Amino acid sequence: MQMNDSQRIPASREKVWVALNNPGVLKQCIPGCQSLVMSSPNEMTATVDPPNSYRILGEGSGGIAGFAKVERPSRSHPRDLK
């Protein structure tokens, strides 16, 4: 399965930010996600049914802190599924 898309969300930036940081909302967006919990204030831990793979893309700017762009692919390997 490949999920590639772009959507405009008719909501304020603040509401979207809150939703993207809500494990219940985010869990619904991840195929095969069985659980998603906050491990710390800025970290989540997910349990996902294999053999799903994913790629996390993110970018943002922090004013004086500058600009950041992140891409992280991840794929389950058959030996990890035992």
Protein backbone atom coordinates (compact mmCIF):
# COMPACT_ATOMS: atom_id res chain seq x y z
CA MET A 1 0.00 0.00 0.00
CA GLN A 2 1.23 3.45 -0.79
CA MET A 3 -0.27 6.57 0.69
CA ASN A 4 0.61 9.66 -1.28
CA ASP A 5 -1.69 12.59 -1.12
CA SER A 6 -2.05 16.18 -0.16
CA GLN A 7 -5.12 17.67 1.45
CA ARG A 8 -6.15 21.14 2.48
CA ILE A 9 -7.85 20.96 5.84
CA PRO A 10 -10.55 23.58 6.40
CA ALA A 11 -9.48 24.35 9.95
CA SER A 12 -7.18 26.73 11.74
CA ARG A 13 -3.49 25.91 12.02
CA GLU A 14 -3.95 25.50 15.79
CA LYS A 15 -6.77 22.92 15.41
CA VAL A 16 -4.75 20.94 12.87
CA TRP A 17 -1.67 20.97 15.14
CA VAL A 18 -3.73 19.71 18.09
CA ALA A 19 -5.25 16.92 15.95
CA LEU A 20 -1.87 15.81 14.57
CA ASN A 21 -0.58 15.53 18.13
CA ASN A 22 -3.61 13.57 19.34
CA PRO A 23 -2.80 9.82 19.32
CA GLY A 24 -6.47 8.90 18.77
CA VAL A 25 -6.75 11.07 15.67
CA LEU A 26 -3.35 10.11 14.30
CA LYS A 27 -4.00 6.38 14.86
CA GLN A 28 -6.96 6.57 12.47
CA CYS A 29 -4.60 7.86 9.75
CA ILE A 30 -2.08 4.98 9.96
CA PRO A 31 -3.09 1.77 8.15
CA GLY A 32 -2.81 -1.26 10.43
CA CYS A 33 -2.22 0.81 13.56
CA GLN A 34 -3.36 -1.14 16.60
CA SER A 35 -2.25 1.35 19.24
CA LEU A 36 -0.59 4.75 19.42
CA VAL A 37 0.33 6.21 22.79
CA MET A 38 2.26 9.25 23.97
CA SER A 39 5.60 8.00 25.34
CA SER A 40 6.64 11.52 26.32
CA PRO A 41 5.41 15.03 25.53
CA ASN A 42 7.10 14.88 22.11
CA GLU A 43 7.23 11.15 21.32
CA MET A 44 4.62 8.53 20.38
CA THR A 45 4.94 4.75 20.32
CA ALA A 46 2.88 2.78 17.78
CA THR A 47 2.00 -0.87 17.33
CA VAL A 48 1.37 -1.50 13.63
CA ASP A 49 0.34 -4.74 11.94
CA PRO A 50 3.11 -5.95 9.62
CA PRO A 51 4.04 -5.90 6.80
CA ASN A 52 3.19 -2.22 6.58
CA SER A 53 5.90 0.25 5.84
CA TYR A 54 5.84 3.99 6.04
CA ARG A 55 7.79 7.12 5.36
CA ILE A 56 7.57 10.11 7.63
CA LEU A 57 8.01 13.48 5.99
CA GLY A 58 8.02 16.70 7.90
CA GLU A 59 9.15 20.25 7.56
CA GLY A 60 8.80 23.41 9.50
CA SER A 61 10.34 26.67 10.43
CA GLY A 62 11.01 28.15 13.81
CA GLY A 63 11.61 31.80 13.07
CA ILE A 64 15.08 32.57 14.35
CA ALA A 65 15.70 28.83 14.85
CA GLY A 66 15.65 28.34 11.07
CA PHE A 67 14.12 25.71 8.81
CA ALA A 68 14.07 21.90 9.08
CA LYS A 69 13.07 19.14 6.67
CA VAL A 70 12.97 15.45 7.63
CA GLU A 71 12.40 12.26 5.63
CA ARG A 72 12.52 8.86 7.34
CA PRO A 73 11.62 5.62 5.53
CA SER A 74 10.85 2.51 7.56
CA ARG A 75 9.96 -0.97 6.40
CA SER A 76 9.34 -4.23 8.26
CA HIS A 77 11.79 -6.99 7.37
CA PRO A 78 10.49 -10.62 7.34
CA ARG A 79 12.99 -11.61 10.08
CA ASP A 80 11.46 -8.92 12.35
CA LEU A 81 8.00 -10.47 12.04
CA LYS A 82 8.86 -13.70 13.94
